[in-house]
């Protein structure tokens, strides 16, 4: 009896360890396949942080929105950021709400801080992972293309049910992977 219980618990634990990563992968692939596509302009970032690993650190331009009327938002609070495309085809946060919206594209985000009538958000679009050897060159190219006066870097994302997956990072109109291959520096 006791052995059967131990074997049953072991089997449940083994199944959970297999199902958890598989569900994460299928959720990500579902978003990439059927999520709404948006592209966000990016801003210059601080220098590379060696402790965070091999990725390109992103900062999204326009990561703020008007504060909702009559609602006090606190740092760390989850909000729904409604997004639409502007005239140039870039995504823009149009409004915030504390309840899940219906029929609109939105991103689940956290409030960084509220300053008067503006709310600054922490968006889940801050890292673009790369192959380890390409990441330092990609970081340099990204910084060159996101400097003031040469701001032609942007990220393309997919959004579904508030969840976000980064599809691609572009610099100078090219995917970052292609720009790294072409770069001779």
Protein backbone atom coordinates (compact mmCIF):
# COMPACT_ATOMS: atom_id res chain seq x y z
CA UNK A 1 0.00 0.00 0.00
CA UNK A 2 2.74 2.47 1.00
CA UNK A 3 4.82 1.57 -2.08
CA UNK A 4 1.82 2.18 -4.35
CA UNK A 5 1.34 5.62 -2.79
CA UNK A 6 5.01 6.51 -3.30
CA UNK A 7 4.93 5.28 -6.90
CA UNK A 8 1.72 7.22 -7.54
CA UNK A 9 3.19 10.43 -6.10
CA UNK A 10 6.39 9.94 -8.10
CA UNK A 11 4.34 9.45 -11.29
CA UNK A 12 2.32 12.64 -10.58
CA UNK A 13 5.52 14.62 -9.96
CA UNK A 14 7.12 13.28 -13.16
CA UNK A 15 4.02 14.20 -15.18
CA UNK A 16 3.98 17.72 -13.72
CA UNK A 17 7.63 18.20 -14.66
CA UNK A 18 6.88 17.23 -18.25
CA UNK A 19 3.56 19.05 -18.62
CA UNK A 20 4.74 22.40 -17.18
CA UNK A 21 7.45 23.20 -19.78
CA UNK A 22 5.32 21.77 -22.59
CA UNK A 23 2.41 24.03 -21.67
CA UNK A 24 4.76 27.04 -21.55
CA UNK A 25 6.04 26.20 -25.05
CA UNK A 26 2.59 25.62 -26.52
CA UNK A 27 1.30 28.88 -24.99
CA UNK A 28 4.21 30.83 -26.53
CA UNK A 29 3.71 29.18 -29.92
CA UNK A 30 -0.03 29.86 -29.77
CA UNK A 31 0.64 33.56 -29.19
CA UNK A 32 3.15 33.68 -32.07
CA UNK A 33 0.72 31.89 -34.39
CA UNK A 34 -2.54 33.69 -33.64
CA UNK A 35 -1.74 36.75 -31.52
CA UNK A 36 -2.27 40.30 -32.79
CA UNK A 37 0.95 41.82 -34.15
CA UNK A 38 2.27 45.21 -32.98
CA UNK A 39 5.60 46.99 -33.26
CA UNK A 40 6.96 49.32 -30.60
CA UNK A 41 9.68 51.92 -31.08
CA UNK A 42 12.57 51.49 -28.68
CA UNK A 43 14.76 53.98 -26.82
CA UNK A 44 18.47 54.06 -25.95
CA UNK A 45 19.41 51.83 -23.04
CA UNK A 46 22.09 51.75 -20.39
CA UNK A 47 25.30 49.83 -21.19
CA UNK A 48 25.31 46.02 -21.20
CA UNK A 49 24.97 44.38 -17.78
CA UNK A 50 27.21 41.33 -17.65
CA UNK A 51 25.25 39.82 -14.74
CA UNK A 52 22.03 39.45 -16.72
CA UNK A 53 23.28 37.07 -19.39
CA UNK A 54 23.24 37.14 -23.16
CA UNK A 55 20.40 39.23 -24.42
CA UNK A 56 19.76 42.65 -25.85
CA UNK A 57 18.27 44.94 -23.20
CA UNK A 58 15.28 46.84 -24.61
CA UNK A 59 13.50 49.95 -23.47
CA UNK A 60 10.16 50.69 -25.05
CA UNK A 61 9.42 54.25 -26.15
CA UNK A 62 6.07 55.50 -24.89
CA UNK A 63 5.81 53.16 -21.91
CA UNK A 64 3.38 55.55 -20.25
CA UNK A 65 -0.28 56.40 -20.50
CA UNK A 66 -2.82 58.82 -19.10
CA UNK A 67 -3.93 57.94 -15.58
CA UNK A 68 -7.49 56.56 -15.49
CA UNK A 69 -10.03 59.01 -14.04
CA UNK A 70 -10.87 58.42 -10.39
CA UNK A 71 -8.51 55.46 -9.93
CA UNK A 72 -5.41 55.61 -7.73
CA UNK A 73 -2.67 53.33 -9.04
CA UNK A 74 0.19 52.14 -6.85
CA UNK A 75 3.69 51.00 -7.80
CA UNK A 76 3.73 47.31 -8.63
CA UNK A 77 -0.01 47.16 -9.30
CA UNK A 78 -1.12 45.11 -12.33
CA UNK A 79 -3.01 47.02 -15.02
CA UNK A 80 -4.26 46.35 -18.52
CA UNK A 81 -2.66 48.66 -21.10
CA UNK A 82 -4.85 49.00 -24.20
CA UNK A 83 -2.85 49.39 -27.40
CA UNK A 84 -3.53 50.62 -30.92
CA UNK A 85 -1.36 51.49 -33.90
CA UNK A 86 -0.55 55.11 -34.71
CA UNK A 87 -0.34 56.70 -38.19
CA UNK A 88 3.21 55.36 -38.75
CA UNK A 89 2.18 51.80 -37.82
CA UNK A 90 3.79 51.76 -34.38
CA UNK A 91 1.95 50.59 -31.28
CA UNK A 92 0.89 53.15 -28.72
CA UNK A 93 -0.65 52.69 -25.30
CA UNK A 94 -3.98 54.50 -25.44
CA UNK A 95 -5.42 53.91 -21.98
CA UNK A 96 -5.21 51.88 -18.79
CA UNK A 97 -7.79 49.90 -16.90
CA UNK A 98 -7.76 47.71 -13.81
CA UNK A 99 -10.30 45.25 -15.23
CA UNK A 100 -9.73 42.91 -18.15
CA UNK A 101 -10.98 44.62 -21.34
CA UNK A 102 -13.09 42.83 -23.92
CA UNK A 103 -12.59 43.18 -27.66
CA UNK A 104 -9.40 45.27 -27.54
CA UNK A 105 -5.74 44.36 -27.77
CA UNK A 106 -4.07 44.85 -24.39
CA UNK A 107 -0.91 44.05 -22.46
CA UNK A 108 -0.85 43.00 -18.82
CA UNK A 109 1.70 45.38 -17.28
CA UNK A 110 2.85 46.66 -13.88
CA UNK A 111 2.77 50.26 -12.71
CA UNK A 112 6.32 51.57 -12.21
CA UNK A 113 5.08 54.89 -10.82
CA UNK A 114 2.33 57.43 -11.21
CA UNK A 115 3.31 61.06 -11.82
CA UNK A 116 0.38 63.46 -11.93
CA UNK A 117 -1.80 62.57 -14.89
CA UNK A 118 0.71 60.07 -16.39
CA UNK A 119 1.42 56.50 -15.36
CA UNK A 120 4.77 54.96 -16.26
CA UNK A 121 4.64 51.20 -16.85
CA UNK A 122 6.97 48.23 -16.68
CA UNK A 123 6.12 46.40 -19.88
CA UNK A 124 7.05 42.74 -20.34
CA UNK A 125 9.12 43.68 -23.40
CA UNK A 126 12.58 44.27 -21.99
CA UNK A 127 14.80 41.44 -23.23
CA UNK A 128 15.52 40.00 -26.65
CA UNK A 129 17.48 36.78 -26.25
CA UNK A 130 20.17 35.98 -28.77
CA UNK A 131 22.68 33.28 -29.50
CA UNK A 132 25.53 33.78 -27.02
CA UNK A 133 28.27 34.73 -29.50
CA UNK A 134 26.06 37.19 -31.41
CA UNK A 135 24.64 39.03 -28.39
CA UNK A 136 27.55 41.48 -27.74
CA UNK A 137 27.60 42.59 -31.40
CA UNK A 138 23.80 42.81 -31.43
CA UNK A 139 23.86 44.95 -28.28
CA UNK A 140 26.37 47.33 -29.94
CA UNK A 141 24.30 47.56 -33.14
CA UNK A 142 21.13 48.11 -31.14
CA UNK A 143 22.76 50.98 -29.20
CA UNK A 144 23.97 52.57 -32.46
CA UNK A 145 20.48 52.39 -33.96
CA UNK A 146 18.65 53.63 -30.88
CA UNK A 147 20.76 56.74 -30.20
CA UNK A 148 19.05 60.08 -30.40
CA UNK A 149 19.06 61.23 -34.00
CA UNK A 150 19.39 57.67 -35.30
CA UNK A 151 16.33 56.07 -33.78
CA UNK A 152 15.45 53.32 -36.25
CA UNK A 153 15.28 50.35 -33.87
CA UNK A 154 11.97 48.71 -33.05
CA UNK A 155 10.60 45.45 -31.77
CA UNK A 156 7.72 43.43 -33.26
CA UNK A 157 5.58 41.61 -30.73
CA UNK A 158 2.54 39.36 -30.70
CA UNK A 159 -0.20 39.92 -28.13
CA UNK A 160 -2.91 37.50 -27.09
CA UNK A 161 -5.05 37.69 -23.95
CA UNK A 162 -2.66 40.23 -22.40
CA UNK A 163 0.41 38.02 -22.84
CA UNK A 164 3.31 39.18 -25.02
CA UNK A 165 5.90 37.33 -27.09
CA UNK A 166 8.67 39.18 -28.92
CA UNK A 167 8.71 38.10 -32.54
CA UNK A 168 11.71 40.09 -33.83
CA UNK A 169 14.03 43.04 -33.16
CA UNK A 170 14.82 45.34 -36.09
CA UNK A 171 17.68 47.83 -36.55
CA UNK A 172 18.00 49.92 -39.70
CA UNK A 173 15.08 48.05 -41.26
CA UNK A 174 16.75 44.63 -40.86
CA UNK A 175 16.23 41.84 -38.35
CA UNK A 176 18.98 42.07 -35.73
CA UNK A 177 20.24 38.58 -36.65
CA UNK A 178 20.75 39.66 -40.28
CA UNK A 179 22.37 42.96 -39.25
CA UNK A 180 24.84 41.07 -37.03
CA UNK A 181 25.80 38.76 -39.92
CA UNK A 182 26.35 41.75 -42.24
CA UNK A 183 28.30 43.80 -39.68
CA UNK A 184 32.07 43.63 -40.19
CA UNK A 185 33.23 45.64 -37.15
